[in-house]
């Protein structure tokens, strides 16, 4: 008597055959992913800088007070430079030196008023962008987004290597790359949109504390 043997079925969950090895990501794919993250962060920096300048224009740049103060600074700066070019520090008499001091004091006060006008919007914009920054930081947390061509100094490594594993301090974190991009991109956007102060006004606005011995006689 013949008996037919039933075909044995083996469950795939209990298969004894070796599984194929999981391919590890190649170095080229890691580099491509890193470049994609870098370009994405640059785009985020451009968009946030444009958004910030848009808010600043809405809250500050278009106001009558800002326009008036900016025009006053330009006029005072040009007047002060003409006086310095015409006379110079060595040929100034006592009366001219007093007038020069008054002009510089007036320019400093106008610059301070302008900074106070801009500061009102800076708090609102800073609060809004802090929430955006925390969201992006959670997305790129623990991710190497770029390779630095140098090793940062010790007190910068806490920011450039933030939440990254390993001891390779040329690995760049999101927050460090974002800050570098924003600092450089926003200045260029301000110049392109005409919101940046002129060179003469920037030079004079840096004179917050003039030398007390400058006009002594």
N, C-alpha and C. Protein backbone atom coordinates (compact mmCIF):
# COMPACT_ATOMS: atom_id res chain seq x y z
N UNK A 1 0.85 -1.20 0.00
CA UNK A 1 0.00 0.00 0.00
C UNK A 1 0.88 1.23 0.00
N UNK A 2 0.52 2.17 -0.87
CA UNK A 2 1.32 3.38 -1.01
C UNK A 2 0.67 4.51 -0.25
N UNK A 3 1.51 5.25 0.40
CA UNK A 3 1.05 6.42 1.15
C UNK A 3 1.68 7.68 0.55
N UNK A 4 0.85 8.64 0.34
CA UNK A 4 1.36 9.93 -0.18
C UNK A 4 1.76 10.82 0.99
N UNK A 5 2.99 11.27 0.97
CA UNK A 5 3.49 12.14 2.05
C UNK A 5 3.10 13.58 1.75
N UNK A 6 2.45 14.16 2.75
CA UNK A 6 2.05 15.56 2.56
C UNK A 6 3.27 16.48 2.58
N UNK A 7 3.17 17.54 1.80
CA UNK A 7 4.27 18.51 1.69
C UNK A 7 4.30 19.37 2.96
N UNK A 8 5.45 19.41 3.58
CA UNK A 8 5.60 20.19 4.80
C UNK A 8 5.72 21.67 4.47
N UNK A 9 4.99 22.46 5.22
CA UNK A 9 5.07 23.91 5.06
C UNK A 9 5.74 24.50 6.28
N UNK A 10 6.63 25.34 6.04
CA UNK A 10 7.40 25.98 7.13
C UNK A 10 6.98 27.43 7.21
N UNK A 11 6.62 27.86 8.39
CA UNK A 11 6.21 29.25 8.58
C UNK A 11 7.41 30.18 8.37
N UNK A 12 7.15 31.31 7.70
CA UNK A 12 8.28 32.23 7.48
C UNK A 12 8.81 32.80 8.78
N UNK A 13 8.01 32.75 9.85
CA UNK A 13 8.47 33.31 11.12
C UNK A 13 9.49 32.40 11.78
N UNK A 14 9.50 31.14 11.40
CA UNK A 14 10.43 30.17 12.01
C UNK A 14 11.40 29.62 10.96
N UNK A 15 11.65 30.39 9.95
CA UNK A 15 12.54 29.95 8.90
C UNK A 15 13.97 29.88 9.43
N UNK A 16 14.65 28.83 9.08
CA UNK A 16 16.03 28.64 9.54
C UNK A 16 17.04 29.15 8.52
N UNK A 17 16.56 29.59 7.36
CA UNK A 17 17.49 30.08 6.34
C UNK A 17 18.05 31.43 6.76
N UNK A 18 19.30 31.68 6.49
CA UNK A 18 19.92 32.96 6.92
C UNK A 18 19.32 34.14 6.17
N UNK A 19 19.10 35.22 6.91
CA UNK A 19 18.55 36.43 6.30
C UNK A 19 19.65 37.22 5.60
N UNK A 20 19.26 37.90 4.51
CA UNK A 20 20.30 38.70 3.84
C UNK A 20 20.74 39.86 4.73
N UNK A 21 21.99 40.20 4.72
CA UNK A 21 22.48 41.30 5.58
C UNK A 21 21.88 42.64 5.15
N UNK A 22 21.60 43.49 6.15
CA UNK A 22 21.07 44.81 5.86
C UNK A 22 22.19 45.69 5.35
N UNK A 23 22.04 46.24 4.16
CA UNK A 23 23.14 47.05 3.62
C UNK A 23 23.32 48.33 4.44
N UNK A 24 24.56 48.61 4.79
CA UNK A 24 24.87 49.85 5.53
C UNK A 24 24.98 51.00 4.54
N UNK A 25 24.60 52.20 4.97
CA UNK A 25 24.66 53.34 4.06
C UNK A 25 26.10 53.65 3.65
N UNK A 26 26.28 53.86 2.37
CA UNK A 26 27.62 54.16 1.88
C UNK A 26 28.00 55.58 2.20
N UNK A 27 29.29 55.87 2.09
CA UNK A 27 29.77 57.22 2.40
C UNK A 27 29.22 58.24 1.42
N UNK A 28 28.99 57.82 0.16
CA UNK A 28 28.47 58.77 -0.83
C UNK A 28 27.03 59.17 -0.50
N UNK A 29 26.23 58.22 -0.02
CA UNK A 29 24.86 58.55 0.34
C UNK A 29 24.82 59.46 1.57
N UNK A 30 25.76 59.26 2.49
CA UNK A 30 25.83 60.13 3.67
C UNK A 30 26.19 61.55 3.26
N UNK A 31 27.13 61.69 2.33
CA UNK A 31 27.54 63.01 1.85
C UNK A 31 26.38 63.70 1.13
N UNK A 32 25.64 62.94 0.32
CA UNK A 32 24.50 63.51 -0.39
C UNK A 32 23.43 63.99 0.60
N UNK A 33 23.16 63.18 1.62
CA UNK A 33 22.18 63.57 2.63
C UNK A 33 22.64 64.81 3.40
N UNK A 34 23.95 64.89 3.66
CA UNK A 34 24.49 66.04 4.37
C UNK A 34 24.36 67.31 3.53
N UNK A 35 24.65 67.21 2.23
CA UNK A 35 24.50 68.36 1.33
C UNK A 35 23.04 68.79 1.25
N UNK A 36 22.14 67.82 1.23
CA UNK A 36 20.71 68.16 1.19
C UNK A 36 20.29 68.90 2.45
N UNK A 37 20.79 68.46 3.61
CA UNK A 37 20.47 69.15 4.85
C UNK A 37 21.06 70.56 4.87
N UNK A 38 22.28 70.69 4.35
CA UNK A 38 22.93 72.01 4.32
C UNK A 38 22.14 72.99 3.46
N UNK A 39 21.75 72.55 2.26
CA UNK A 39 20.97 73.42 1.37
C UNK A 39 19.61 73.75 1.98
N UNK A 40 19.02 72.79 2.67
CA UNK A 40 17.74 73.05 3.31
C UNK A 40 17.87 74.10 4.41
N UNK A 41 18.96 74.03 5.19
CA UNK A 41 19.18 75.01 6.26
C UNK A 41 19.45 76.39 5.68
N UNK A 42 20.18 76.46 4.56
CA UNK A 42 20.40 77.76 3.91
C UNK A 42 19.07 78.35 3.43
N UNK A 43 18.22 77.50 2.85
CA UNK A 43 16.89 77.98 2.42
C UNK A 43 16.06 78.45 3.61
N UNK A 44 16.15 77.72 4.73
CA UNK A 44 15.43 78.14 5.93
C UNK A 44 15.94 79.48 6.42
N UNK A 45 17.25 79.69 6.37
CA UNK A 45 17.84 80.96 6.81
C UNK A 45 17.38 82.11 5.92
N UNK A 46 17.34 81.88 4.60
CA UNK A 46 16.89 82.93 3.68
C UNK A 46 15.42 83.27 3.94
N UNK A 47 14.60 82.25 4.11
CA UNK A 47 13.17 82.49 4.33
C UNK A 47 12.91 83.21 5.65
N UNK A 48 13.60 82.79 6.71
CA UNK A 48 13.40 83.45 8.00
C UNK A 48 13.93 84.88 7.98
N UNK A 49 15.05 85.12 7.25
CA UNK A 49 15.57 86.48 7.15
C UNK A 49 14.60 87.38 6.39
N UNK A 50 14.04 86.87 5.28
CA UNK A 50 13.05 87.65 4.54
C UNK A 50 11.80 87.90 5.38
N UNK A 51 11.39 86.88 6.12
CA UNK A 51 10.21 87.05 6.97
C UNK A 51 10.47 88.07 8.08
N UNK A 52 11.67 88.02 8.65
CA UNK A 52 12.01 88.98 9.69
C UNK A 52 12.07 90.41 9.18
N UNK A 53 12.66 90.60 7.99
CA UNK A 53 12.70 91.94 7.40
C UNK A 53 11.30 92.42 7.02
N UNK A 54 10.45 91.48 6.61
CA UNK A 54 9.07 91.88 6.31
C UNK A 54 8.33 92.36 7.54
N UNK A 55 8.50 91.65 8.65
CA UNK A 55 7.89 92.09 9.90
C UNK A 55 8.46 93.43 10.36
N UNK A 56 9.78 93.58 10.20
CA UNK A 56 10.42 94.84 10.62
C UNK A 56 9.92 96.00 9.76
N UNK A 57 9.74 95.76 8.47
CA UNK A 57 9.22 96.82 7.61
C UNK A 57 7.79 97.18 8.04
N UNK A 58 7.01 96.15 8.36
CA UNK A 58 5.62 96.39 8.74
C UNK A 58 5.52 97.16 10.06
N UNK A 59 6.41 96.85 11.00
CA UNK A 59 6.32 97.45 12.33
C UNK A 59 7.18 98.70 12.49
N UNK A 60 8.26 98.82 11.70
CA UNK A 60 9.23 99.90 11.95
C UNK A 60 9.51 100.73 10.71
N UNK A 61 10.03 100.09 9.64
CA UNK A 61 10.58 100.82 8.51
C UNK A 61 9.59 101.75 7.84
N UNK A 62 8.33 101.39 7.81
CA UNK A 62 7.34 102.20 7.10
C UNK A 62 6.73 103.30 7.97
N UNK A 63 7.08 103.33 9.26
CA UNK A 63 6.50 104.34 10.15
C UNK A 63 7.12 105.71 9.88
N UNK A 64 6.35 106.73 10.15
CA UNK A 64 6.81 108.10 9.91
C UNK A 64 7.96 108.47 10.85
N UNK A 65 7.91 108.00 12.08
CA UNK A 65 8.96 108.33 13.05
C UNK A 65 10.30 107.76 12.63
N UNK A 66 10.32 106.51 12.15
CA UNK A 66 11.56 105.91 11.69
C UNK A 66 12.13 106.64 10.49
N UNK A 67 11.27 106.98 9.53
CA UNK A 67 11.73 107.69 8.35
C UNK A 67 12.32 109.06 8.72
N UNK A 68 11.68 109.72 9.66
CA UNK A 68 12.17 111.04 10.07
C UNK A 68 13.52 110.94 10.78
N UNK A 69 13.66 109.96 11.68
CA UNK A 69 14.92 109.80 12.39
C UNK A 69 16.04 109.38 11.45
N UNK A 70 15.74 108.51 10.51
CA UNK A 70 16.76 108.08 9.56
C UNK A 70 17.23 109.24 8.69
N UNK A 71 16.30 110.10 8.27
CA UNK A 71 16.66 111.27 7.47
C UNK A 71 17.49 112.25 8.29
N UNK A 72 17.15 112.42 9.57
CA UNK A 72 17.92 113.30 10.43
C UNK A 72 19.35 112.80 10.61
N UNK A 73 19.51 111.49 10.76
CA UNK A 73 20.85 110.92 10.92
C UNK A 73 21.69 111.15 9.67
N UNK A 74 21.08 110.96 8.49
CA UNK A 74 21.82 111.18 7.24
C UNK A 74 22.27 112.64 7.13
N UNK A 75 21.38 113.57 7.45
CA UNK A 75 21.73 114.98 7.35
C UNK A 75 22.81 115.37 8.35
N UNK A 76 22.65 114.93 9.59
CA UNK A 76 23.63 115.27 10.61
C UNK A 76 25.00 114.66 10.32
N UNK A 77 24.98 113.44 9.79
CA UNK A 77 26.25 112.78 9.47
C UNK A 77 26.98 113.50 8.36
N UNK A 78 26.27 113.90 7.30
CA UNK A 78 26.91 114.62 6.19
C UNK A 78 27.41 115.98 6.65
N UNK A 79 26.64 116.67 7.49
CA UNK A 79 27.06 117.97 7.99
C UNK A 79 28.32 117.85 8.85
N UNK A 80 28.37 116.84 9.68
CA UNK A 80 29.53 116.64 10.55
C UNK A 80 30.76 116.26 9.75
N UNK A 81 30.59 115.44 8.72
CA UNK A 81 31.74 115.07 7.89
C UNK A 81 32.26 116.25 7.10
N UNK A 82 31.37 117.11 6.62
CA UNK A 82 31.83 118.29 5.90
C UNK A 82 32.64 119.21 6.80
N UNK A 83 32.21 119.36 8.04
CA UNK A 83 32.95 120.20 8.97
C UNK A 83 34.33 119.62 9.27
N UNK A 84 34.39 118.31 9.43
CA UNK A 84 35.68 117.68 9.71
C UNK A 84 36.63 117.78 8.53
N UNK A 85 36.10 117.63 7.31
CA UNK A 85 36.94 117.74 6.13
C UNK A 85 37.39 119.18 5.89
N UNK A 86 36.53 120.12 6.22
CA UNK A 86 36.87 121.53 5.97
C UNK A 86 37.89 122.06 6.97
N UNK A 87 37.76 121.66 8.23
CA UNK A 87 38.61 122.25 9.27
C UNK A 87 39.66 121.26 9.77
N UNK A 88 39.26 120.08 10.12
CA UNK A 88 40.18 119.14 10.74
C UNK A 88 40.29 119.42 12.23
N UNK A 89 40.81 118.45 12.97
CA UNK A 89 40.88 118.60 14.41
C UNK A 89 41.94 119.60 14.85
N UNK A 90 43.00 119.72 14.07
CA UNK A 90 44.11 120.57 14.50
C UNK A 90 43.80 122.05 14.33
N UNK A 91 42.97 122.42 13.36
CA UNK A 91 42.72 123.84 13.07
C UNK A 91 41.45 124.37 13.72
N UNK A 92 40.82 123.59 14.58
CA UNK A 92 39.59 124.03 15.21
C UNK A 92 39.90 124.95 16.39
N UNK A 93 39.20 126.08 16.45
CA UNK A 93 39.34 126.93 17.63
C UNK A 93 38.37 126.48 18.71
N UNK A 94 38.32 127.23 19.79
CA UNK A 94 37.52 126.81 20.94
C UNK A 94 36.02 126.78 20.61
N UNK A 95 35.53 127.77 19.90
CA UNK A 95 34.10 127.82 19.56
C UNK A 95 33.72 126.69 18.60
N UNK A 96 34.56 126.43 17.61
CA UNK A 96 34.28 125.37 16.64
C UNK A 96 34.30 123.99 17.29
N UNK A 97 35.20 123.82 18.26
CA UNK A 97 35.25 122.53 18.96
C UNK A 97 33.98 122.30 19.77
N UNK A 98 33.47 123.35 20.41
CA UNK A 98 32.23 123.21 21.15
C UNK A 98 31.06 122.87 20.22
N UNK A 99 31.02 123.52 19.04
CA UNK A 99 29.96 123.20 18.08
C UNK A 99 30.07 121.75 17.59
N UNK A 100 31.33 121.31 17.36
CA UNK A 100 31.53 119.94 16.91
C UNK A 100 31.05 118.94 17.97
N UNK A 101 31.35 119.24 19.22
CA UNK A 101 30.89 118.37 20.30
C UNK A 101 29.36 118.31 20.38
N UNK A 102 28.73 119.48 20.21
CA UNK A 102 27.26 119.50 20.24
C UNK A 102 26.67 118.71 19.09
N UNK A 103 27.28 118.83 17.89
CA UNK A 103 26.79 118.07 16.73
C UNK A 103 26.91 116.57 16.97
N UNK A 104 28.03 116.14 17.53
CA UNK A 104 28.22 114.71 17.78
C UNK A 104 27.26 114.22 18.86
N UNK A 105 27.02 115.03 19.86
CA UNK A 105 26.07 114.65 20.90
C UNK A 105 24.65 114.54 20.35
N UNK A 106 24.29 115.48 19.46
CA UNK A 106 22.97 115.43 18.84
C UNK A 106 22.82 114.18 17.96
N UNK A 107 23.88 113.85 17.23
CA UNK A 107 23.84 112.66 16.39
C UNK A 107 23.73 111.40 17.23
N UNK A 108 24.43 111.37 18.34
CA UNK A 108 24.37 110.20 19.22
C UNK A 108 22.96 110.04 19.79
N UNK A 109 22.33 111.12 20.17
CA UNK A 109 20.96 111.05 20.72
C UNK A 109 19.97 110.58 19.66
N UNK A 110 20.15 111.05 18.41
CA UNK A 110 19.26 110.61 17.33
C UNK A 110 19.42 109.13 17.05
N UNK A 111 20.68 108.65 17.09
CA UNK A 111 20.92 107.22 16.91
C UNK A 111 20.28 106.40 18.02
N UNK A 112 20.33 106.90 19.24
CA UNK A 112 19.71 106.19 20.35
C UNK A 112 18.19 106.12 20.18
N UNK A 113 17.58 107.21 19.73
CA UNK A 113 16.14 107.21 19.49
C UNK A 113 15.76 106.21 18.39
N UNK A 114 16.61 106.14 17.37
CA UNK A 114 16.34 105.21 16.27
C UNK A 114 16.44 103.75 16.76
N UNK A 115 17.42 103.47 17.60
CA UNK A 115 17.56 102.12 18.13
C UNK A 115 16.39 101.74 19.02
N UNK A 116 15.86 102.69 19.77
CA UNK A 116 14.70 102.41 20.62
C UNK A 116 13.46 102.10 19.78
N UNK A 117 13.33 102.79 18.65
CA UNK A 117 12.19 102.52 17.76
C UNK A 117 12.30 101.10 17.19
N UNK A 118 13.51 100.69 16.80
CA UNK A 118 13.69 99.36 16.23
C UNK A 118 13.58 98.26 17.28
N UNK A 119 13.93 98.59 18.52
CA UNK A 119 13.93 97.58 19.57
C UNK A 119 12.52 97.07 19.89
N UNK A 120 11.52 97.90 19.69
CA UNK A 120 10.15 97.48 19.98
C UNK A 120 9.74 96.29 19.13
N UNK A 121 10.14 96.30 17.87
CA UNK A 121 9.79 95.19 17.00
C UNK A 121 10.72 94.00 17.18
N UNK A 122 11.95 94.25 17.64
CA UNK A 122 12.91 93.16 17.80
C UNK A 122 12.44 92.15 18.84
N UNK A 123 11.78 92.62 19.90
CA UNK A 123 11.29 91.70 20.91
C UNK A 123 10.18 90.80 20.36
N UNK A 124 9.26 91.39 19.60
CA UNK A 124 8.17 90.60 19.02
C UNK A 124 8.70 89.59 18.00
N UNK A 125 9.64 90.04 17.14
CA UNK A 125 10.20 89.14 16.14
C UNK A 125 11.04 88.05 16.80
N UNK A 126 11.79 88.42 17.83
CA UNK A 126 12.61 87.43 18.53
C UNK A 126 11.77 86.35 19.18
N UNK A 127 10.64 86.72 19.76
CA UNK A 127 9.75 85.73 20.38
C UNK A 127 9.18 84.78 19.34
N UNK A 128 8.79 85.31 18.17
CA UNK A 128 8.22 84.46 17.12
C UNK A 128 9.25 83.50 16.55
N UNK A 129 10.47 83.99 16.34
CA UNK A 129 11.49 83.15 15.73
C UNK A 129 12.10 82.16 16.72
N UNK A 130 11.98 82.41 18.01
CA UNK A 130 12.44 81.43 19.00
C UNK A 130 11.63 80.14 18.90
N UNK A 131 10.32 80.28 18.71
CA UNK A 131 9.47 79.08 18.56
C UNK A 131 9.80 78.34 17.26
N UNK A 132 10.05 79.08 16.17
CA UNK A 132 10.44 78.43 14.92
C UNK A 132 11.78 77.71 15.07
N UNK A 133 12.72 78.36 15.76
CA UNK A 133 14.04 77.77 15.93
C UNK A 133 13.97 76.49 16.74
N UNK A 134 13.15 76.47 17.77
CA UNK A 134 13.02 75.26 18.58
C UNK A 134 12.40 74.12 17.76
N UNK A 135 11.48 74.45 16.85
CA UNK A 135 10.88 73.42 16.00
C UNK A 135 11.91 72.82 15.06
N UNK A 136 12.69 73.68 14.37
CA UNK A 136 13.71 73.19 13.44
C UNK A 136 14.81 72.45 14.20
N UNK A 137 15.12 72.92 15.40
CA UNK A 137 16.17 72.27 16.18
C UNK A 137 15.77 70.85 16.57
N UNK A 138 14.49 70.63 16.85
CA UNK A 138 14.04 69.28 17.17
C UNK A 138 14.08 68.37 15.95
N UNK A 139 13.89 68.93 14.75
CA UNK A 139 13.95 68.12 13.52
C UNK A 139 15.37 67.65 13.24
N UNK A 140 16.35 68.54 13.41
CA UNK A 140 17.74 68.22 13.09
C UNK A 140 18.54 67.83 14.33
N UNK A 141 17.88 67.52 15.42
CA UNK A 141 18.59 67.21 16.66
C UNK A 141 19.42 65.94 16.50
N UNK A 142 20.70 66.02 16.89
CA UNK A 142 21.60 64.88 16.80
C UNK A 142 22.06 64.53 15.41
N UNK A 143 21.83 65.42 14.45
CA UNK A 143 22.16 65.15 13.05
C UNK A 143 23.35 66.01 12.62
N UNK A 144 24.32 65.39 11.96
CA UNK A 144 25.45 66.13 11.40
C UNK A 144 24.99 66.73 10.07
N UNK A 145 24.91 68.04 10.00
CA UNK A 145 24.37 68.69 8.80
C UNK A 145 25.46 69.22 7.89
N UNK A 146 26.70 69.29 8.38
CA UNK A 146 27.80 69.81 7.55
C UNK A 146 29.11 69.43 8.20
N UNK A 147 30.18 69.55 7.40
CA UNK A 147 31.54 69.33 7.89
C UNK A 147 32.28 70.67 7.85
N UNK A 148 32.80 71.08 8.99
CA UNK A 148 33.53 72.33 9.05
C UNK A 148 34.95 72.14 8.52
N UNK A 149 35.48 73.11 7.80
CA UNK A 149 36.86 72.98 7.29
C UNK A 149 37.92 73.30 8.34
N UNK A 150 37.50 73.46 9.59
CA UNK A 150 38.41 73.79 10.68
C UNK A 150 37.83 73.20 11.97
N UNK A 151 38.65 73.13 12.98
CA UNK A 151 38.20 72.69 14.30
C UNK A 151 37.92 73.93 15.15
N UNK A 152 36.69 74.14 15.56
CA UNK A 152 36.38 75.35 16.34
C UNK A 152 37.13 75.38 17.66
N UNK A 153 37.30 76.58 18.19
CA UNK A 153 37.95 76.72 19.49
C UNK A 153 37.04 76.13 20.57
N UNK A 154 37.61 75.91 21.73
CA UNK A 154 36.93 75.11 22.75
C UNK A 154 35.58 75.69 23.16
N UNK A 155 35.53 77.01 23.38
CA UNK A 155 34.29 77.58 23.89
C UNK A 155 33.20 77.69 22.83
N UNK A 156 33.54 77.44 21.55
CA UNK A 156 32.54 77.41 20.48
C UNK A 156 32.04 75.99 20.24
N UNK A 157 32.80 75.00 20.65
CA UNK A 157 32.43 73.61 20.36
C UNK A 157 31.11 73.21 21.01
N UNK A 158 30.77 73.83 22.13
CA UNK A 158 29.48 73.53 22.76
C UNK A 158 28.31 73.88 21.88
N UNK A 159 28.50 74.84 20.95
CA UNK A 159 27.44 75.22 20.02
C UNK A 159 27.57 74.50 18.70
N UNK A 160 28.81 74.41 18.17
CA UNK A 160 29.00 73.77 16.87
C UNK A 160 28.81 72.26 16.93
N UNK A 161 29.05 71.64 18.10
CA UNK A 161 28.93 70.19 18.25
C UNK A 161 27.75 69.83 19.16
N UNK A 162 26.77 70.68 19.21
CA UNK A 162 25.66 70.50 20.15
C UNK A 162 24.83 69.27 19.82
N UNK A 163 24.65 68.41 20.82
CA UNK A 163 23.84 67.19 20.74
C UNK A 163 24.32 66.21 19.67
N UNK A 164 25.60 66.28 19.31
CA UNK A 164 26.16 65.36 18.32
C UNK A 164 27.01 64.32 19.04
N UNK A 165 26.99 63.09 18.52
CA UNK A 165 27.78 62.01 19.09
C UNK A 165 29.18 62.02 18.50
N UNK A 166 30.11 61.38 19.20
CA UNK A 166 31.47 61.27 18.70
C UNK A 166 32.34 62.43 19.15
N UNK A 167 33.62 62.31 18.80
CA UNK A 167 34.62 63.30 19.20
C UNK A 167 35.18 64.08 18.01
N UNK A 168 34.54 63.94 16.85
CA UNK A 168 34.97 64.70 15.68
C UNK A 168 34.33 66.09 15.73
N UNK A 169 35.11 67.08 16.16
CA UNK A 169 34.56 68.42 16.36
C UNK A 169 34.46 69.23 15.07
N UNK A 170 34.79 68.61 13.94
CA UNK A 170 34.49 69.26 12.66
C UNK A 170 33.06 68.99 12.21
N UNK A 171 32.38 68.07 12.91
CA UNK A 171 30.95 67.86 12.64
C UNK A 171 30.17 69.10 13.09
N UNK A 172 29.25 69.54 12.26
CA UNK A 172 28.53 70.79 12.51
C UNK A 172 27.07 70.49 12.84
N UNK A 173 26.58 71.12 13.89
CA UNK A 173 25.18 70.96 14.28
C UNK A 173 24.30 71.97 13.55
N UNK A 174 23.00 71.75 13.65
CA UNK A 174 22.05 72.63 12.96
C UNK A 174 22.13 74.07 13.48
N UNK A 175 22.14 74.23 14.78
CA UNK A 175 22.05 75.56 15.37
C UNK A 175 23.25 76.42 14.97
N UNK A 176 24.44 75.82 14.88
CA UNK A 176 25.64 76.57 14.52
C UNK A 176 25.59 77.02 13.07
N UNK A 177 25.22 76.11 12.17
CA UNK A 177 25.13 76.46 10.75
C UNK A 177 24.02 77.48 10.51
N UNK A 178 22.91 77.34 11.22
CA UNK A 178 21.80 78.28 11.05
C UNK A 178 22.21 79.69 11.48
N UNK A 179 22.92 79.81 12.59
CA UNK A 179 23.36 81.13 13.07
C UNK A 179 24.33 81.75 12.08
N UNK A 180 25.28 80.98 11.57
CA UNK A 180 26.25 81.51 10.60
C UNK A 180 25.54 81.99 9.33
N UNK A 181 24.61 81.19 8.83
CA UNK A 181 23.89 81.58 7.60
C UNK A 181 23.03 82.82 7.84
N UNK A 182 22.34 82.87 8.96
CA UNK A 182 21.46 84.01 9.24
C UNK A 182 22.25 85.31 9.38
N UNK A 183 23.40 85.24 10.05
CA UNK A 183 24.22 86.45 10.25
C UNK A 183 24.70 87.03 8.93
N UNK A 184 25.08 86.16 8.00
CA UNK A 184 25.60 86.65 6.72
C UNK A 184 24.49 86.99 5.74
N UNK A 185 23.43 86.20 5.72
CA UNK A 185 22.36 86.40 4.74
C UNK A 185 21.53 87.63 5.07
N UNK A 186 21.23 87.87 6.35
CA UNK A 186 20.35 88.98 6.70
C UNK A 186 20.98 90.33 6.36
N UNK A 187 22.29 90.47 6.56
CA UNK A 187 22.95 91.72 6.22
C UNK A 187 22.86 92.00 4.72
N UNK A 188 23.07 90.96 3.91
CA UNK A 188 22.98 91.14 2.46
C UNK A 188 21.54 91.44 2.02
N UNK A 189 20.57 90.83 2.67
CA UNK A 189 19.17 91.12 2.34
C UNK A 189 18.82 92.56 2.69
N UNK A 190 19.31 93.05 3.84
CA UNK A 190 19.07 94.43 4.22
C UNK A 190 19.67 95.39 3.20
N UNK A 191 20.87 95.10 2.71
CA UNK A 191 21.49 95.95 1.69
C UNK A 191 20.71 95.89 0.38
N UNK A 192 20.27 94.69 0.00
CA UNK A 192 19.54 94.54 -1.25
C UNK A 192 18.20 95.26 -1.21
N UNK A 193 17.54 95.25 -0.06
CA UNK A 193 16.23 95.90 0.06
C UNK A 193 16.33 97.37 0.42
N UNK A 194 17.55 97.86 0.66
CA UNK A 194 17.73 99.28 0.99
C UNK A 194 17.42 99.63 2.43
N UNK A 195 17.40 98.63 3.32
CA UNK A 195 17.10 98.88 4.73
C UNK A 195 18.35 99.12 5.56
N UNK A 196 19.51 98.80 5.01
CA UNK A 196 20.75 98.96 5.77
C UNK A 196 21.14 100.44 5.80
N UNK A 197 21.72 100.91 6.91
CA UNK A 197 22.16 102.31 6.97
C UNK A 197 23.33 102.55 6.03
N UNK A 198 23.52 103.78 5.66
CA UNK A 198 24.62 104.13 4.78
C UNK A 198 25.95 103.95 5.50
N UNK A 199 27.04 103.95 4.74
CA UNK A 199 28.35 103.76 5.35
C UNK A 199 28.70 104.90 6.30
N UNK A 200 28.37 106.11 5.89
CA UNK A 200 28.67 107.27 6.74
C UNK A 200 27.90 107.21 8.04
N UNK A 201 26.62 106.84 7.95
CA UNK A 201 25.80 106.75 9.16
C UNK A 201 26.27 105.61 10.05
N UNK A 202 26.69 104.50 9.46
CA UNK A 202 27.19 103.39 10.25
C UNK A 202 28.48 103.76 10.96
N UNK A 203 29.32 104.52 10.27
CA UNK A 203 30.57 104.94 10.88
C UNK A 203 30.33 105.87 12.05
N UNK A 204 29.39 106.81 11.88
CA UNK A 204 29.11 107.75 12.96
C UNK A 204 28.34 107.09 14.09
N UNK A 205 27.49 106.13 13.79
CA UNK A 205 26.69 105.48 14.83
C UNK A 205 27.54 104.63 15.76
N UNK A 206 28.75 104.26 15.31
CA UNK A 206 29.64 103.48 16.17
C UNK A 206 30.34 104.34 17.20
N UNK A 207 30.18 105.66 17.12
CA UNK A 207 30.84 106.56 18.04
C UNK A 207 29.93 106.86 19.23
N UNK A 208 29.55 105.80 19.95
CA UNK A 208 28.65 106.00 21.09
C UNK A 208 29.38 106.65 22.25
N UNK A 209 30.65 106.36 22.39
CA UNK A 209 31.42 106.96 23.48
C UNK A 209 32.62 107.67 22.93
N UNK A 210 32.52 108.90 22.44
CA UNK A 210 33.66 109.59 21.88
C UNK A 210 34.72 109.84 22.93
N UNK A 211 35.94 109.95 22.46
CA UNK A 211 37.07 110.18 23.34
C UNK A 211 36.90 111.52 24.05
N UNK A 212 36.94 111.55 25.41
CA UNK A 212 36.73 112.82 26.11
C UNK A 212 37.87 113.80 25.90
N UNK A 213 39.04 113.30 25.47
CA UNK A 213 40.17 114.20 25.24
C UNK A 213 40.27 114.65 23.79
N UNK A 214 39.27 114.30 22.99
CA UNK A 214 39.39 114.58 21.55
C UNK A 214 39.37 116.06 21.25
N UNK A 215 38.52 116.83 21.94
CA UNK A 215 38.41 118.26 21.65
C UNK A 215 38.87 119.11 22.83
N UNK A 216 39.78 118.57 23.61
CA UNK A 216 40.32 119.38 24.72
C UNK A 216 41.36 120.34 24.20
N UNK A 217 41.46 121.46 24.87
CA UNK A 217 42.43 122.47 24.48
C UNK A 217 43.18 122.94 25.70
